C-alpha atoms as a PDB file:
ATOM      1  CA  MET A   1     -79.959-184.460 -57.431  1.00  0.00           C
ATOM      2  CA  ILE A   2     -81.930-181.251 -58.531  1.00  0.00           C
ATOM      3  CA  MET A   3     -81.310-181.446 -62.804  1.00  0.00           C
ATOM      4  CA  SER A   4     -81.711-178.284 -64.500  1.00  0.00           C
ATOM      5  CA  LYS A   5     -80.196-176.045 -66.476  1.00  0.00           C
ATOM      6  CA  GLU A   6     -80.401-172.630 -64.538  1.00  0.00           C
ATOM      7  CA  PRO A   7     -77.028-172.739 -63.227  1.00  0.00           C
ATOM      8  CA  TYR A   8     -77.719-172.013 -60.067  1.00  0.00           C
ATOM      9  CA  HIS A   9     -79.217-175.456 -59.621  1.00  0.00           C
ATOM     10  CA  GLU A  10     -75.310-176.682 -61.081  1.00  0.00           C
ATOM     11  CA  LEU A  11     -74.036-175.255 -57.404  1.00  0.00           C
ATOM     12  CA  ILE A  12     -76.295-177.879 -55.995  1.00  0.00           C
ATOM     13  CA  ASN A  13     -75.421-180.575 -58.882  1.00  0.00           C
ATOM     14  CA  LEU A  14     -71.663-179.901 -57.531  1.00  0.00           C
ATOM     15  CA  GLY A  15     -73.108-181.168 -53.659  1.00  0.00           C
ATOM     16  CA  LEU A  16     -72.549-177.375 -51.668  1.00  0.00           C
ATOM     17  CA  GLY A  17     -75.914-177.977 -50.635  1.00  0.00           C
ATOM     18  CA  LYS A  18     -79.116-175.224 -51.173  1.00  0.00           C
ATOM     19  CA  ARG A  19     -78.723-173.606 -48.959  1.00  0.00           C
ATOM     20  CA  TYR A  20     -75.098-173.029 -49.120  1.00  0.00           C
ATOM     21  CA  ALA A  21     -75.433-172.437 -52.995  1.00  0.00           C
ATOM     22  CA  GLU A  22     -78.219-169.478 -52.290  1.00  0.00           C
ATOM     23  CA  LEU A  23     -75.200-168.098 -49.971  1.00  0.00           C
ATOM     24  CA  LEU A  24     -73.800-167.808 -52.717  1.00  0.00           C
ATOM     25  CA  LYS A  25     -76.244-167.440 -55.566  1.00  0.00           C
ATOM     26  CA  ALA A  26     -76.943-163.677 -53.113  1.00  0.00           C
ATOM     27  CA  THR A  27     -72.756-163.125 -53.230  1.00  0.00           C
ATOM     28  CA  GLY A  28     -73.449-162.847 -57.659  1.00  0.00           C
ATOM     29  CA  VAL A  29     -71.856-166.111 -57.582  1.00  0.00           C
ATOM     30  CA  ALA A  30     -74.502-168.131 -60.187  1.00  0.00           C
ATOM     31  CA  SER A  31     -73.045-170.930 -61.466  1.00  0.00           C
ATOM     32  CA  VAL A  32     -69.986-172.859 -61.449  1.00  0.00           C
ATOM     33  CA  PRO A  33     -68.279-171.352 -63.673  1.00  0.00           C
ATOM     34  CA  GLU A  34     -68.170-168.036 -61.720  1.00  0.00           C
ATOM     35  CA  LEU A  35     -67.186-170.025 -59.074  1.00  0.00           C
ATOM     36  CA  ALA A  36     -64.306-171.451 -60.447  1.00  0.00           C
ATOM     37  CA  GLU A  37     -63.184-167.916 -60.814  1.00  0.00           C
ATOM     38  CA  ARG A  38     -63.298-166.493 -57.716  1.00  0.00           C
ATOM     39  CA  HIS A  39     -60.306-165.924 -54.827  1.00  0.00           C
ATOM     40  CA  PRO A  40     -61.309-168.006 -51.901  1.00  0.00           C
ATOM     41  CA  GLU A  41     -60.038-165.586 -49.300  1.00  0.00           C
ATOM     42  CA  ASN A  42     -62.510-162.751 -51.279  1.00  0.00           C
ATOM     43  CA  LEU A  43     -65.454-164.836 -51.819  1.00  0.00           C
ATOM     44  CA  HIS A  44     -66.040-166.236 -48.150  1.00  0.00           C
ATOM     45  CA  LEU A  45     -65.631-162.206 -47.179  1.00  0.00           C
ATOM     46  CA  CYS A  46     -68.219-161.643 -49.582  1.00  0.00           C
ATOM     47  CA  LEU A  47     -70.528-165.101 -47.721  1.00  0.00           C
ATOM     48  CA  VAL A  48     -69.277-163.987 -44.316  1.00  0.00           C
ATOM     49  CA  VAL A  49     -70.452-160.294 -45.565  1.00  0.00           C
ATOM     50  CA  THR A  50     -74.051-161.389 -46.970  1.00  0.00           C
ATOM     51  CA  ASN A  51     -74.659-163.547 -44.540  1.00  0.00           C
ATOM     52  CA  GLU A  52     -74.844-160.973 -41.756  1.00  0.00           C
ATOM     53  CA  GLU A  53     -77.428-158.992 -43.768  1.00  0.00           C
ATOM     54  CA  LYS A  54     -79.644-161.407 -45.003  1.00  0.00           C
ATOM     55  CA  LYS A  55     -79.225-163.808 -42.528  1.00  0.00           C
ATOM     56  CA  LEU A  56     -79.156-167.170 -45.201  1.00  0.00           C
ATOM     57  CA  VAL A  57     -77.906-169.872 -42.974  1.00  0.00           C
ATOM     58  CA  ARG A  58     -76.600-170.562 -39.576  1.00  0.00           C
ATOM     59  CA  LYS A  59     -73.896-171.802 -40.238  1.00  0.00           C
ATOM     60  CA  LEU A  60     -70.786-170.271 -42.370  1.00  0.00           C
ATOM     61  CA  PRO A  61     -68.711-172.427 -44.400  1.00  0.00           C
ATOM     62  CA  THR A  62     -64.431-172.228 -43.229  1.00  0.00           C
ATOM     63  CA  LEU A  63     -62.064-170.793 -45.379  1.00  0.00           C
ATOM     64  CA  SER A  64     -60.478-174.298 -46.754  1.00  0.00           C
ATOM     65  CA  LYS A  65     -64.591-175.220 -47.613  1.00  0.00           C
ATOM     66  CA  VAL A  66     -64.727-172.829 -49.963  1.00  0.00           C
ATOM     67  CA  ALA A  67     -61.493-173.161 -50.643  1.00  0.00           C
ATOM     68  CA  ALA A  68     -62.335-176.723 -51.615  1.00  0.00           C
ATOM     69  CA  TRP A  69     -65.388-175.699 -53.155  1.00  0.00           C
ATOM     70  CA  VAL A  70     -63.425-173.060 -55.328  1.00  0.00           C
ATOM     71  CA  GLU A  71     -61.330-175.886 -56.664  1.00  0.00           C
ATOM     72  CA  GLN A  72     -63.868-178.656 -57.464  1.00  0.00           C
ATOM     73  CA  ALA A  73     -65.700-176.261 -59.848  1.00  0.00           C
ATOM     74  CA  ARG A  74     -62.072-175.947 -61.686  1.00  0.00           C
ATOM     75  CA  ASN A  75     -62.079-179.122 -61.800  1.00  0.00           C
ATOM     76  CA  SER A  76     -64.944-179.632 -62.496  1.00  0.00           C
ATOM     77  CA  LEU A  77     -64.446-177.241 -65.996  1.00  0.00           C
ATOM     78  CA  THR A  78     -61.440-179.521 -66.682  1.00  0.00           C
ATOM     79  CA  ALA A  79     -62.715-182.758 -67.133  1.00  0.00           C
END
């Protein structure tokens, strides 16, 4: 586990993995609070478009996976 005060590393610590955290950061989501505020459908579309442009991951997360990330981020803020 990467322990850092950088918000970007919070995403990795949440269990998303480095590549997906990089993809999220490229879409403008660089912290858990930012992820918690997103709508899964909109975020998924942004991930698809960003990855088409930047080729950061080989396998895109599914909409259900993105929804789970958002829910996990929301839960981590209320815990």
